[in-house]
Protein backbone atom coordinates (compact mmCIF):
# COMPACT_ATOMS: atom_id res chain seq x y z
CA MET A 1 -28.99 -29.94 64.03
CA THR A 2 -25.71 -29.74 62.13
CA SER A 3 -22.84 -31.90 63.35
CA ILE A 4 -19.50 -30.40 64.29
CA ASN A 5 -17.89 -31.80 61.15
CA GLY A 6 -20.74 -30.35 59.08
CA SER A 7 -20.34 -26.95 60.69
CA ILE A 8 -16.80 -26.42 59.48
CA PRO A 9 -17.59 -26.48 55.72
CA VAL A 10 -20.64 -24.27 56.31
CA ALA A 11 -18.52 -21.72 58.20
CA LEU A 12 -15.86 -21.77 55.49
CA GLN A 13 -18.53 -21.28 52.82
CA GLY A 14 -19.89 -18.31 54.78
CA ILE A 15 -16.43 -16.75 54.91
CA ARG A 16 -15.92 -17.28 51.16
CA GLN A 17 -19.33 -15.89 50.21
CA ASN A 18 -18.94 -12.81 52.36
CA LEU A 19 -15.41 -12.15 51.11
CA ASP A 20 -16.77 -12.41 47.57
CA GLY A 21 -19.50 -9.94 48.55
CA LEU A 22 -16.91 -7.53 49.96
CA ARG A 23 -14.90 -7.82 46.76
CA GLU A 24 -17.99 -7.05 44.68
CA VAL A 25 -18.94 -4.05 46.81
CA SER A 26 -15.39 -2.68 46.67
CA GLN A 27 -15.45 -2.91 42.88
CA GLN A 28 -18.79 -1.10 42.79
CA VAL A 29 -17.40 1.65 45.02
CA ALA A 30 -14.33 2.00 42.82
CA HIS A 31 -16.47 2.32 39.69
CA ALA A 32 -18.90 4.68 41.41
CA SER A 33 -16.13 7.01 42.51
CA VAL A 34 -14.84 7.21 38.94
CA GLU A 35 -18.34 7.74 37.54
CA GLY A 36 -19.41 10.24 40.21
CA ALA A 37 -22.18 8.23 41.88
CA GLU A 38 -24.83 9.65 44.17
CA SER A 39 -24.03 9.77 47.87
CA SER A 40 -27.06 7.55 48.55
CA ASP A 41 -25.50 4.86 46.33
CA GLN A 42 -22.29 5.15 48.31
CA ALA A 43 -24.23 4.81 51.56
CA VAL A 44 -25.91 1.65 50.29
CA SER A 45 -22.51 0.26 49.33
CA ALA A 46 -21.12 1.09 52.78
CA VAL A 47 -24.00 -0.73 54.47
CA ARG A 48 -23.55 -3.75 52.23
CA ALA A 49 -19.82 -3.78 53.01
CA MET A 50 -20.55 -3.74 56.74
CA GLU A 51 -23.06 -6.59 56.31
CA HIS A 52 -20.45 -8.69 54.52
CA ARG A 53 -17.81 -7.83 57.14
CA ASN A 54 -20.19 -8.92 59.88
CA GLY A 55 -20.87 -12.11 57.92
CA VAL A 56 -17.15 -12.88 57.76
CA ASP A 57 -16.83 -12.21 61.50
CA ALA A 58 -19.81 -14.46 62.33
CA SER A 59 -18.59 -17.28 60.09
CA ALA A 60 -15.08 -17.04 61.55
CA ALA A 61 -16.53 -17.24 65.06
CA ALA A 62 -18.57 -20.30 64.08
CA LEU A 63 -15.46 -21.91 62.58
CA LYS A 64 -13.49 -21.21 65.76
CA ARG A 65 -16.21 -22.73 67.95
CA ALA A 66 -16.49 -25.81 65.73
CA ASN A 67 -12.72 -26.31 65.85
CA GLU A 68 -12.72 -25.92 69.63
CA ALA A 69 -15.59 -28.40 70.00
CA GLN A 70 -13.86 -30.86 67.72
CA GLY A 71 -10.66 -30.53 69.76
CA SER A 72 -12.60 -31.13 72.97
CA LEU A 73 -14.11 -34.28 71.51
CA PHE A 74 -10.67 -35.56 70.53
CA ASP A 75 -9.36 -34.80 74.02
CA ALA A 76 -12.28 -36.71 75.56
CA LEU A 77 -11.53 -39.74 73.40
CA ILE A 78 -7.87 -39.84 74.34
């Protein structure tokens, strides 16, 4: 099991990786629209974008929970 302090860097890494994925997908969509890509390629890009968005949301929720748990621990110690 990951400790609270270990969860924060993991959540931040998840946010970074998924934002990078969103950036990559958006670049692919921009190039595809210029090059006239197939609609199936655009659908795949849309699904990938949603996956990355959900990844950012999940990582942000994990970060929030870890911060809340850490705050509760500090409150218990005081």
